[in-house]
N, C-alpha and C. Protein backbone atom coordinates (compact mmCIF):
# COMPACT_ATOMS: atom_id res chain seq x y z
N MET A 1 15.78 -4.60 0.91
CA MET A 1 15.62 -5.91 0.65
C MET A 1 16.26 -6.49 -0.68
N SER A 2 16.34 -5.59 -1.82
CA SER A 2 17.03 -6.13 -3.02
C SER A 2 18.38 -6.20 -2.70
N GLN A 3 19.13 -5.34 -1.92
CA GLN A 3 20.50 -5.30 -1.62
C GLN A 3 20.93 -6.56 -0.84
N LEU A 4 20.13 -6.97 0.19
CA LEU A 4 20.23 -8.15 1.09
C LEU A 4 20.27 -9.29 0.10
N ALA A 5 19.27 -9.45 -0.60
CA ALA A 5 19.07 -10.54 -1.31
C ALA A 5 20.42 -10.84 -2.39
N ALA A 6 20.75 -9.64 -2.89
CA ALA A 6 22.04 -9.72 -3.83
C ALA A 6 23.25 -10.11 -3.13
N GLU A 7 23.43 -9.54 -1.81
CA GLU A 7 24.70 -9.99 -1.01
C GLU A 7 24.60 -11.37 -0.43
N HIS A 8 23.48 -11.88 -0.37
CA HIS A 8 23.54 -13.32 0.11
C HIS A 8 23.01 -14.36 -1.00
N GLY A 9 23.02 -13.88 -2.15
CA GLY A 9 22.60 -14.89 -3.23
C GLY A 9 21.11 -15.45 -2.93
N ALA A 10 20.32 -14.71 -2.43
CA ALA A 10 18.94 -15.16 -1.95
C ALA A 10 18.01 -14.74 -3.12
N VAL A 11 16.86 -15.35 -3.16
CA VAL A 11 15.72 -14.90 -3.95
C VAL A 11 15.10 -13.73 -3.38
N ASN A 12 14.88 -12.71 -4.29
CA ASN A 12 14.21 -11.44 -3.61
C ASN A 12 12.78 -11.49 -3.83
N LEU A 13 12.14 -11.73 -2.54
CA LEU A 13 10.71 -11.87 -2.44
C LEU A 13 10.14 -10.54 -2.16
N GLY A 14 10.93 -9.36 -1.90
CA GLY A 14 10.54 -8.16 -1.57
C GLY A 14 9.98 -7.30 -2.69
N GLN A 15 10.09 -7.56 -3.90
CA GLN A 15 9.67 -6.94 -5.14
C GLN A 15 9.28 -7.89 -6.19
N GLY A 16 8.49 -7.36 -6.97
CA GLY A 16 7.90 -8.34 -8.11
C GLY A 16 8.70 -8.00 -9.28
N PHE A 17 9.72 -8.77 -9.52
CA PHE A 17 10.49 -8.66 -10.80
C PHE A 17 10.30 -9.92 -11.60
N PRO A 18 9.40 -9.73 -12.59
CA PRO A 18 8.86 -10.85 -13.49
C PRO A 18 10.00 -11.55 -14.29
N ASP A 19 10.01 -12.66 -14.33
CA ASP A 19 11.07 -13.54 -14.90
C ASP A 19 10.64 -14.10 -16.28
N PHE A 20 9.38 -13.53 -16.85
CA PHE A 20 8.80 -14.04 -18.02
C PHE A 20 8.39 -12.96 -18.94
N GLU A 21 8.06 -13.17 -20.02
CA GLU A 21 7.76 -12.39 -21.14
C GLU A 21 6.46 -11.68 -20.96
N VAL A 22 6.02 -10.38 -21.43
CA VAL A 22 4.81 -9.85 -21.33
C VAL A 22 3.90 -10.64 -22.25
N PRO A 23 2.65 -11.00 -21.70
CA PRO A 23 1.85 -11.71 -22.49
C PRO A 23 1.48 -11.10 -23.94
N VAL A 24 1.27 -11.76 -24.88
CA VAL A 24 1.15 -11.11 -26.14
C VAL A 24 -0.16 -10.37 -26.21
N PHE A 25 -1.11 -10.69 -25.65
CA PHE A 25 -2.49 -9.94 -25.64
C PHE A 25 -2.20 -8.54 -25.07
N LEU A 26 -1.30 -8.44 -23.95
CA LEU A 26 -1.03 -7.19 -23.53
C LEU A 26 -0.33 -6.36 -24.39
N THR A 27 0.73 -6.87 -25.09
CA THR A 27 1.40 -5.93 -25.98
C THR A 27 0.60 -5.51 -27.25
N GLU A 28 -0.19 -6.34 -27.59
CA GLU A 28 -1.26 -6.14 -28.69
C GLU A 28 -2.10 -4.98 -28.21
N ALA A 29 -2.58 -5.00 -27.09
CA ALA A 29 -3.63 -3.96 -26.65
C ALA A 29 -2.90 -2.65 -26.42
N LEU A 30 -1.51 -2.71 -26.04
CA LEU A 30 -0.90 -1.53 -25.93
C LEU A 30 -0.65 -0.99 -27.34
N ALA A 31 -0.25 -1.79 -28.16
CA ALA A 31 -0.11 -1.26 -29.48
C ALA A 31 -1.44 -0.73 -30.20
N ARG A 32 -2.53 -1.51 -29.89
CA ARG A 32 -3.87 -0.89 -30.43
C ARG A 32 -4.21 0.48 -29.91
N ALA A 33 -3.90 0.63 -28.73
CA ALA A 33 -4.15 1.80 -27.90
C ALA A 33 -3.36 2.99 -28.63
N VAL A 34 -2.02 2.67 -28.75
CA VAL A 34 -1.37 3.90 -29.50
C VAL A 34 -1.88 4.09 -30.78
N ARG A 35 -2.18 3.11 -31.58
CA ARG A 35 -2.65 3.31 -32.90
C ARG A 35 -4.00 4.14 -32.91
N GLU A 36 -4.87 3.91 -32.01
CA GLU A 36 -6.23 4.53 -31.73
C GLU A 36 -6.11 5.91 -31.16
N GLY A 37 -4.87 6.36 -30.92
CA GLY A 37 -4.79 7.67 -30.32
C GLY A 37 -4.72 8.09 -29.01
N TYR A 38 -4.46 6.83 -28.15
CA TYR A 38 -4.58 7.08 -26.59
C TYR A 38 -3.18 7.17 -26.24
N ASN A 39 -2.71 8.49 -26.69
CA ASN A 39 -1.34 8.65 -26.52
C ASN A 39 -1.12 10.27 -26.00
N GLN A 40 -2.16 10.83 -25.28
CA GLN A 40 -2.06 12.07 -24.84
C GLN A 40 -2.35 12.17 -23.39
N TYR A 41 -2.05 13.31 -22.90
CA TYR A 41 -2.16 13.42 -21.48
C TYR A 41 -3.47 13.05 -21.00
N ALA A 42 -3.71 12.37 -19.99
CA ALA A 42 -4.88 12.17 -19.31
C ALA A 42 -5.34 13.03 -18.37
N PRO A 43 -6.74 13.27 -17.90
CA PRO A 43 -6.86 14.22 -16.80
C PRO A 43 -5.94 13.94 -15.60
N MET A 44 -5.77 14.86 -14.71
CA MET A 44 -4.75 14.86 -13.69
C MET A 44 -5.07 13.63 -12.59
N THR A 45 -6.48 13.50 -12.68
CA THR A 45 -6.88 12.36 -11.69
C THR A 45 -6.99 11.04 -12.28
N GLY A 46 -6.62 10.97 -13.63
CA GLY A 46 -6.72 9.69 -14.47
C GLY A 46 -7.67 9.71 -15.64
N ALA A 47 -7.82 8.70 -16.42
CA ALA A 47 -8.67 8.82 -17.43
C ALA A 47 -10.05 8.22 -16.75
N VAL A 48 -11.18 8.82 -17.40
CA VAL A 48 -12.30 8.73 -16.66
C VAL A 48 -12.73 7.26 -16.81
N CYS A 49 -12.52 6.58 -17.86
CA CYS A 49 -12.93 5.22 -17.96
C CYS A 49 -12.19 4.30 -17.06
N LEU A 50 -11.00 4.57 -16.83
CA LEU A 50 -10.31 3.80 -15.78
C LEU A 50 -10.78 3.98 -14.31
N ARG A 51 -10.99 5.35 -13.94
CA ARG A 51 -11.59 5.61 -12.71
C ARG A 51 -12.95 5.05 -12.47
N GLU A 52 -13.77 5.08 -13.60
CA GLU A 52 -15.13 4.32 -13.44
C GLU A 52 -15.00 2.79 -13.28
N ALA A 53 -13.91 2.10 -13.85
CA ALA A 53 -13.66 0.80 -13.61
C ALA A 53 -13.22 0.51 -12.33
N ILE A 54 -12.31 1.22 -11.65
CA ILE A 54 -11.97 1.16 -10.38
C ILE A 54 -12.99 1.22 -9.37
N ALA A 55 -14.00 2.24 -9.69
CA ALA A 55 -15.00 2.48 -8.69
C ALA A 55 -15.99 1.31 -8.86
N GLU A 56 -16.13 0.50 -10.08
CA GLU A 56 -17.06 -0.60 -10.16
C GLU A 56 -16.43 -1.76 -9.57
N LYS A 57 -15.08 -1.93 -9.66
CA LYS A 57 -14.39 -3.00 -8.75
C LYS A 57 -14.61 -2.90 -7.36
N LEU A 58 -14.51 -1.62 -6.91
CA LEU A 58 -14.66 -1.42 -5.35
C LEU A 58 -16.16 -1.95 -4.97
N ALA A 59 -17.02 -1.56 -5.61
CA ALA A 59 -18.38 -1.81 -5.49
C ALA A 59 -18.77 -3.30 -5.72
N ALA A 60 -18.13 -3.93 -6.64
CA ALA A 60 -18.58 -5.44 -6.93
C ALA A 60 -17.64 -6.35 -5.74
N ILE A 61 -16.42 -5.89 -5.56
CA ILE A 61 -15.92 -6.76 -4.64
C ILE A 61 -15.96 -6.61 -3.08
N TYR A 62 -15.98 -5.29 -2.82
CA TYR A 62 -16.07 -4.82 -1.43
C TYR A 62 -17.21 -4.05 -1.04
N GLN A 63 -18.24 -3.81 -1.80
CA GLN A 63 -19.41 -3.28 -1.63
C GLN A 63 -19.31 -1.73 -1.22
N ALA A 64 -18.16 -1.33 -1.51
CA ALA A 64 -17.76 0.19 -1.26
C ALA A 64 -18.17 0.96 -2.48
N HIS A 65 -19.04 1.97 -2.33
CA HIS A 65 -19.60 2.65 -3.31
C HIS A 65 -18.95 4.09 -3.19
N VAL A 66 -18.07 4.38 -4.20
CA VAL A 66 -17.21 5.53 -4.26
C VAL A 66 -17.48 6.36 -5.67
N SER A 67 -17.36 7.44 -5.69
CA SER A 67 -17.50 8.28 -6.76
C SER A 67 -16.27 8.47 -7.59
N PRO A 68 -16.26 7.92 -8.93
CA PRO A 68 -15.12 7.92 -9.76
C PRO A 68 -14.54 9.51 -9.96
N ASP A 69 -15.43 10.38 -9.92
CA ASP A 69 -15.29 11.83 -10.04
C ASP A 69 -14.52 12.56 -8.85
N THR A 70 -14.84 11.95 -7.61
CA THR A 70 -14.32 12.68 -6.35
C THR A 70 -13.62 11.86 -5.41
N ASP A 71 -13.54 10.54 -5.64
CA ASP A 71 -13.08 9.63 -4.70
C ASP A 71 -11.80 8.89 -5.27
N VAL A 72 -11.79 8.83 -6.56
CA VAL A 72 -10.77 7.98 -7.14
C VAL A 72 -9.64 8.70 -8.04
N THR A 73 -8.28 8.47 -7.63
CA THR A 73 -7.23 9.06 -8.56
C THR A 73 -6.36 8.07 -8.83
N VAL A 74 -5.99 8.15 -10.13
CA VAL A 74 -5.15 7.19 -10.63
C VAL A 74 -3.56 7.61 -10.53
N THR A 75 -2.78 6.68 -10.13
CA THR A 75 -1.27 7.07 -9.97
C THR A 75 -0.58 6.15 -10.96
N SER A 76 0.84 6.44 -10.99
CA SER A 76 1.64 5.60 -11.92
C SER A 76 2.03 4.33 -11.29
N GLY A 77 1.51 4.06 -10.14
CA GLY A 77 1.80 2.83 -9.28
C GLY A 77 1.64 2.95 -7.88
N ALA A 78 1.66 1.77 -7.23
CA ALA A 78 1.48 1.88 -5.82
C ALA A 78 2.30 2.68 -4.91
N THR A 79 3.69 2.77 -5.32
CA THR A 79 4.54 3.43 -4.58
C THR A 79 4.25 4.91 -4.69
N GLU A 80 3.83 5.48 -5.91
CA GLU A 80 3.44 6.86 -6.16
C GLU A 80 2.33 7.20 -5.24
N ALA A 81 1.25 6.22 -5.25
CA ALA A 81 -0.04 6.31 -4.46
C ALA A 81 0.42 6.36 -3.00
N ILE A 82 1.07 5.51 -2.58
CA ILE A 82 1.63 5.62 -1.20
C ILE A 82 2.35 6.91 -0.76
N PHE A 83 3.19 7.55 -1.63
CA PHE A 83 3.85 8.72 -1.56
C PHE A 83 2.87 9.92 -1.33
N CYS A 84 2.01 9.77 -2.34
CA CYS A 84 1.03 10.88 -2.35
C CYS A 84 0.04 10.91 -1.01
N ALA A 85 -0.16 9.74 -0.80
CA ALA A 85 -1.16 9.54 0.58
C ALA A 85 -0.50 9.98 1.88
N VAL A 86 1.00 9.66 1.94
CA VAL A 86 1.64 10.21 2.93
C VAL A 86 1.76 11.59 3.18
N HIS A 87 2.08 12.22 1.90
CA HIS A 87 2.36 13.74 1.83
C HIS A 87 0.88 14.43 1.95
N ALA A 88 -0.15 13.83 1.75
CA ALA A 88 -1.46 14.67 1.79
C ALA A 88 -1.78 14.65 3.46
N VAL A 89 -1.32 13.88 4.16
CA VAL A 89 -1.75 13.77 5.77
C VAL A 89 -0.52 14.12 6.73
N VAL A 90 0.78 13.96 6.29
CA VAL A 90 1.77 13.95 7.25
C VAL A 90 2.32 15.36 7.01
N ARG A 91 2.94 15.91 8.28
CA ARG A 91 3.63 17.28 8.37
C ARG A 91 4.92 17.02 8.82
N ALA A 92 5.97 18.13 8.84
CA ALA A 92 7.19 18.03 9.48
C ALA A 92 6.73 17.87 11.00
N GLY A 93 7.57 16.84 11.66
CA GLY A 93 7.49 16.75 12.96
C GLY A 93 6.46 15.70 13.47
N ASP A 94 5.60 15.16 12.52
CA ASP A 94 4.66 14.03 12.72
C ASP A 94 5.52 12.82 12.89
N GLU A 95 4.74 11.78 13.42
CA GLU A 95 5.13 10.55 13.43
C GLU A 95 4.28 9.48 12.63
N VAL A 96 4.93 8.57 12.14
CA VAL A 96 4.22 7.60 11.35
C VAL A 96 4.61 6.13 11.88
N ILE A 97 3.60 5.44 12.13
CA ILE A 97 4.03 3.88 12.67
C ILE A 97 3.87 3.10 11.59
N VAL A 98 5.10 2.32 11.35
CA VAL A 98 5.19 1.17 10.30
C VAL A 98 5.61 -0.08 11.12
N LEU A 99 4.81 -1.06 10.33
CA LEU A 99 5.18 -2.37 11.08
C LEU A 99 6.32 -3.08 10.32
N ASP A 100 7.36 -3.46 11.03
CA ASP A 100 8.73 -4.04 10.54
C ASP A 100 8.57 -5.57 10.33
N PRO A 101 9.13 -6.31 9.34
CA PRO A 101 9.59 -5.68 8.20
C PRO A 101 8.35 -4.98 7.49
N CYS A 102 8.84 -4.23 6.39
CA CYS A 102 7.98 -3.37 5.66
C CYS A 102 8.35 -3.06 4.19
N TYR A 103 7.51 -2.72 3.38
CA TYR A 103 7.86 -2.23 2.09
C TYR A 103 9.00 -1.02 2.00
N ASP A 104 9.91 -1.06 1.52
CA ASP A 104 10.97 -0.17 1.63
C ASP A 104 10.84 1.17 1.10
N SER A 105 9.52 1.39 0.32
CA SER A 105 9.23 2.90 0.01
C SER A 105 8.54 3.56 1.09
N TYR A 106 8.14 2.95 2.15
CA TYR A 106 7.50 3.62 3.31
C TYR A 106 8.39 4.81 3.88
N GLU A 107 9.48 4.35 4.33
CA GLU A 107 10.34 5.29 5.09
C GLU A 107 10.63 6.58 4.30
N PRO A 108 11.21 6.37 3.20
CA PRO A 108 11.65 7.53 2.29
C PRO A 108 10.62 8.60 2.09
N ALA A 109 9.16 8.21 1.98
CA ALA A 109 8.20 8.93 1.80
C ALA A 109 7.91 9.67 2.99
N ILE A 110 8.05 9.13 4.26
CA ILE A 110 7.81 9.70 5.34
C ILE A 110 8.77 10.69 5.76
N GLU A 111 9.97 10.41 5.42
CA GLU A 111 11.23 11.26 5.68
C GLU A 111 11.29 12.50 4.76
N LEU A 112 10.78 12.19 3.52
CA LEU A 112 10.76 13.48 2.65
C LEU A 112 9.45 14.45 3.08
N ALA A 113 8.69 13.87 3.88
CA ALA A 113 7.62 14.77 4.60
C ALA A 113 8.04 15.47 5.90
N GLY A 114 9.15 15.19 6.14
CA GLY A 114 9.78 15.78 7.41
C GLY A 114 9.33 15.18 8.65
N ALA A 115 8.74 13.98 8.48
CA ALA A 115 8.40 13.06 9.59
C ALA A 115 9.26 12.11 10.04
N ARG A 116 8.86 11.42 11.02
CA ARG A 116 9.61 10.36 11.68
C ARG A 116 8.96 9.11 11.51
N ALA A 117 9.63 7.92 11.01
CA ALA A 117 8.99 6.70 10.97
C ALA A 117 9.35 5.97 12.40
N VAL A 118 8.25 5.45 13.02
CA VAL A 118 8.34 4.72 14.28
C VAL A 118 8.00 3.27 13.99
N HIS A 119 9.16 2.42 14.10
CA HIS A 119 9.17 0.97 13.74
C HIS A 119 8.64 0.27 14.79
N VAL A 120 7.51 -0.78 14.50
CA VAL A 120 7.01 -1.62 15.48
C VAL A 120 7.31 -2.95 14.92
N PRO A 121 8.24 -3.89 15.41
CA PRO A 121 8.70 -5.10 14.98
C PRO A 121 7.31 -6.16 14.78
N LEU A 122 7.25 -6.88 13.81
CA LEU A 122 6.37 -7.98 13.90
C LEU A 122 6.90 -9.14 14.65
N VAL A 123 6.13 -10.02 15.16
CA VAL A 123 6.51 -11.19 16.08
C VAL A 123 6.83 -12.30 15.35
N GLU A 124 8.18 -12.79 15.36
CA GLU A 124 8.35 -14.04 14.53
C GLU A 124 7.99 -15.23 15.41
N PRO A 125 7.70 -16.18 14.89
CA PRO A 125 8.07 -16.79 13.35
C PRO A 125 7.00 -16.54 12.56
N ASP A 126 5.75 -16.27 12.95
CA ASP A 126 4.79 -16.04 11.97
C ASP A 126 4.44 -14.52 11.57
N PHE A 127 5.24 -13.59 12.09
CA PHE A 127 5.06 -12.19 11.86
C PHE A 127 3.83 -11.69 12.12
N HIS A 128 3.26 -11.96 13.26
CA HIS A 128 2.12 -11.30 13.64
C HIS A 128 2.13 -10.08 14.38
N VAL A 129 1.26 -9.34 14.39
CA VAL A 129 1.39 -7.92 15.09
C VAL A 129 0.88 -8.10 16.48
N ASP A 130 1.70 -7.37 17.53
CA ASP A 130 1.55 -7.25 18.86
C ASP A 130 0.81 -5.90 18.91
N TRP A 131 -0.47 -5.84 18.99
CA TRP A 131 -1.21 -4.67 18.94
C TRP A 131 -0.96 -3.75 20.15
N GLN A 132 -0.57 -4.49 21.31
CA GLN A 132 -0.29 -3.76 22.53
C GLN A 132 1.15 -3.02 22.24
N ARG A 133 1.95 -3.52 21.47
CA ARG A 133 3.17 -2.86 21.19
C ARG A 133 2.88 -1.64 20.39
N VAL A 134 2.05 -1.99 19.46
CA VAL A 134 1.64 -0.80 18.55
C VAL A 134 1.18 0.31 19.33
N ARG A 135 0.15 0.10 20.20
CA ARG A 135 -0.51 1.10 21.19
C ARG A 135 0.55 1.86 22.07
N GLY A 136 1.56 0.99 22.36
CA GLY A 136 2.56 1.52 23.18
C GLY A 136 3.51 2.69 22.25
N ALA A 137 3.33 2.41 21.02
CA ALA A 137 4.16 3.55 20.06
C ALA A 137 3.49 4.59 19.77
N VAL A 138 2.18 4.80 20.07
CA VAL A 138 1.37 5.89 19.76
C VAL A 138 1.77 7.03 20.85
N THR A 139 1.97 8.21 20.13
CA THR A 139 2.30 9.32 20.87
C THR A 139 1.36 10.58 20.45
N PRO A 140 1.32 11.71 21.09
CA PRO A 140 0.53 12.89 20.60
C PRO A 140 0.98 13.24 19.17
N ARG A 141 2.08 12.84 18.75
CA ARG A 141 2.76 13.22 17.36
C ARG A 141 2.20 12.33 16.32
N THR A 142 1.65 11.14 16.65
CA THR A 142 1.30 10.15 15.70
C THR A 142 0.22 10.49 14.82
N ARG A 143 0.47 10.56 13.55
CA ARG A 143 -0.45 11.19 12.62
C ARG A 143 -1.08 10.10 11.63
N LEU A 144 -0.15 9.11 11.28
CA LEU A 144 -0.54 8.02 10.57
C LEU A 144 0.07 6.81 11.07
N LEU A 145 -0.71 5.60 10.50
CA LEU A 145 -0.45 4.17 10.72
C LEU A 145 -0.45 3.53 9.45
N ILE A 146 0.61 2.93 9.10
CA ILE A 146 0.66 2.16 7.82
C ILE A 146 0.74 0.73 7.89
N VAL A 147 -0.22 0.21 7.28
CA VAL A 147 -0.42 -1.37 7.54
C VAL A 147 -0.33 -2.00 6.10
N ASN A 148 0.01 -3.20 5.91
CA ASN A 148 0.06 -3.91 4.87
C ASN A 148 -0.22 -5.41 4.87
N SER A 149 -1.37 -5.85 4.24
CA SER A 149 -1.77 -7.07 4.39
C SER A 149 -2.39 -7.71 3.07
N PRO A 150 -1.74 -8.60 2.44
CA PRO A 150 -0.77 -9.41 3.00
C PRO A 150 0.56 -8.55 3.11
N ASN A 151 1.30 -8.98 4.01
CA ASN A 151 2.80 -8.13 4.32
C ASN A 151 3.59 -8.17 3.26
N ASN A 152 4.34 -7.29 2.90
CA ASN A 152 5.38 -7.14 1.98
C ASN A 152 6.62 -6.87 2.80
N PRO A 153 7.66 -7.88 3.11
CA PRO A 153 7.78 -9.16 2.39
C PRO A 153 7.41 -10.49 3.06
N THR A 154 6.83 -10.42 4.18
CA THR A 154 6.72 -11.71 4.81
C THR A 154 5.46 -12.43 4.45
N GLY A 155 4.59 -11.87 3.68
CA GLY A 155 3.18 -12.52 3.46
C GLY A 155 2.16 -12.82 4.47
N ALA A 156 2.49 -12.42 5.58
CA ALA A 156 1.63 -12.31 6.74
C ALA A 156 0.31 -11.69 6.54
N VAL A 157 -0.84 -12.28 6.72
CA VAL A 157 -2.21 -11.62 6.50
C VAL A 157 -2.79 -11.43 7.74
N PHE A 158 -3.59 -10.23 7.75
CA PHE A 158 -4.31 -9.96 9.18
C PHE A 158 -5.42 -10.95 9.19
N SER A 159 -5.62 -11.19 10.50
CA SER A 159 -6.95 -12.22 10.79
C SER A 159 -8.08 -11.32 11.15
N PRO A 160 -9.32 -11.78 11.23
CA PRO A 160 -10.37 -10.97 11.75
C PRO A 160 -10.08 -10.42 13.04
N ALA A 161 -9.34 -11.01 14.08
CA ALA A 161 -9.04 -10.37 15.23
C ALA A 161 -8.16 -9.44 15.01
N ASP A 162 -7.15 -9.41 14.21
CA ASP A 162 -6.23 -8.29 13.86
C ASP A 162 -6.89 -6.94 13.49
N LEU A 163 -8.06 -7.20 12.47
CA LEU A 163 -8.75 -6.02 12.01
C LEU A 163 -9.53 -5.40 13.18
N ALA A 164 -10.15 -6.40 13.98
CA ALA A 164 -10.88 -5.80 15.24
C ALA A 164 -9.96 -5.01 15.98
N ALA A 165 -8.70 -5.58 16.50
CA ALA A 165 -7.75 -4.83 17.25
C ALA A 165 -7.31 -3.52 16.57
N LEU A 166 -7.21 -3.48 15.32
CA LEU A 166 -6.92 -2.37 14.55
C LEU A 166 -8.05 -1.21 14.64
N ALA A 167 -9.16 -1.68 14.38
CA ALA A 167 -10.11 -0.71 14.52
C ALA A 167 -10.39 -0.13 15.98
N GLU A 168 -10.05 -1.06 17.00
CA GLU A 168 -10.06 -0.45 18.53
C GLU A 168 -9.03 0.43 18.60
N LEU A 169 -7.91 -0.04 18.19
CA LEU A 169 -6.57 1.00 18.18
C LEU A 169 -7.10 2.49 17.94
N LEU A 170 -7.75 2.51 16.65
CA LEU A 170 -7.75 3.77 16.06
C LEU A 170 -9.06 4.54 16.47
N ARG A 171 -9.86 3.79 17.14
CA ARG A 171 -11.19 4.29 17.57
C ARG A 171 -10.84 5.66 18.53
N ASP A 172 -11.71 6.70 18.33
CA ASP A 172 -11.57 7.99 19.15
C ASP A 172 -10.28 8.56 18.92
N THR A 173 -9.58 8.31 17.79
CA THR A 173 -8.18 8.91 17.54
C THR A 173 -8.21 9.75 16.28
N ASP A 174 -7.27 10.59 16.25
CA ASP A 174 -7.27 11.40 14.79
C ASP A 174 -6.17 10.77 13.87
N ILE A 175 -5.59 9.36 14.35
CA ILE A 175 -4.75 8.82 13.57
C ILE A 175 -5.29 8.38 12.10
N VAL A 176 -4.58 8.60 11.05
CA VAL A 176 -5.18 8.22 9.68
C VAL A 176 -4.51 6.68 9.42
N LEU A 177 -5.29 6.02 8.96
CA LEU A 177 -4.84 4.73 8.47
C LEU A 177 -4.58 4.68 7.04
N LEU A 178 -3.35 4.00 6.57
CA LEU A 178 -3.12 3.76 5.28
C LEU A 178 -2.97 2.29 5.33
N SER A 179 -3.75 1.80 4.49
CA SER A 179 -3.81 0.15 4.51
C SER A 179 -3.38 -0.18 2.92
N ASP A 180 -2.00 -0.55 2.75
CA ASP A 180 -1.45 -0.88 1.54
C ASP A 180 -1.92 -2.23 1.32
N GLU A 181 -2.94 -2.54 0.41
CA GLU A 181 -3.36 -3.82 0.08
C GLU A 181 -3.06 -4.16 -1.41
N VAL A 182 -1.91 -3.86 -1.83
CA VAL A 182 -1.42 -4.12 -3.20
C VAL A 182 -1.47 -5.53 -3.63
N TYR A 183 -1.27 -6.44 -2.51
CA TYR A 183 -1.41 -7.98 -2.72
C TYR A 183 -2.75 -8.41 -2.40
N GLU A 184 -3.69 -7.71 -2.24
CA GLU A 184 -5.16 -8.05 -1.88
C GLU A 184 -5.64 -9.41 -2.36
N HIS A 185 -5.31 -9.74 -3.80
CA HIS A 185 -5.71 -10.80 -4.30
C HIS A 185 -4.82 -12.18 -4.13
N ILE A 186 -3.78 -12.03 -3.30
CA ILE A 186 -2.69 -13.03 -3.27
C ILE A 186 -2.91 -13.45 -1.89
N VAL A 187 -3.88 -14.06 -1.54
CA VAL A 187 -4.35 -14.62 -0.26
C VAL A 187 -4.83 -16.12 -0.41
N PHE A 188 -4.21 -17.14 0.38
CA PHE A 188 -4.45 -18.51 0.30
C PHE A 188 -5.06 -19.04 1.52
N ASP A 189 -5.83 -20.03 1.44
CA ASP A 189 -6.48 -20.68 2.48
C ASP A 189 -5.34 -21.39 3.32
N GLY A 190 -5.63 -21.40 4.67
CA GLY A 190 -4.64 -22.16 5.44
C GLY A 190 -3.65 -21.55 6.14
């Protein structure tokens, strides 16, 4: 996506490249954390206070009750989390369904696991999912389905009907769902 934007002089909407300075309160908080000694290795799963805050957020927003000790792992960012999730469940020879266009880090993670990405194109002009086409892409080797709502880079958001179709598609299968919701709070009415 970045390469295409550069070649055509377009605005790259595929990644978040801020064009503004870091807010002062954040730089002050970072400096304060360093002064107060928060500069050592955290536990492998992440700082306890951060894992607890993540669990509280999930409970407050989604009524999902998870244990910060056994259900939450902190990564260096969404791309690392996706890589770890793919490698936790995918093995050589597996297939992973991705909806195109998609975030450009999915396929390298899949390939490094020795698996094959199976691309199912979204339907233009609104980039909706053709669930029958997704169903047709499922084979006995399908191990993982990666979805992204709001979609990066199109911005398309799953409707309640999409979520129902997704649930029905996965019912009674061993396919694992990876739902990339990095832009979960950037959803607008209309």
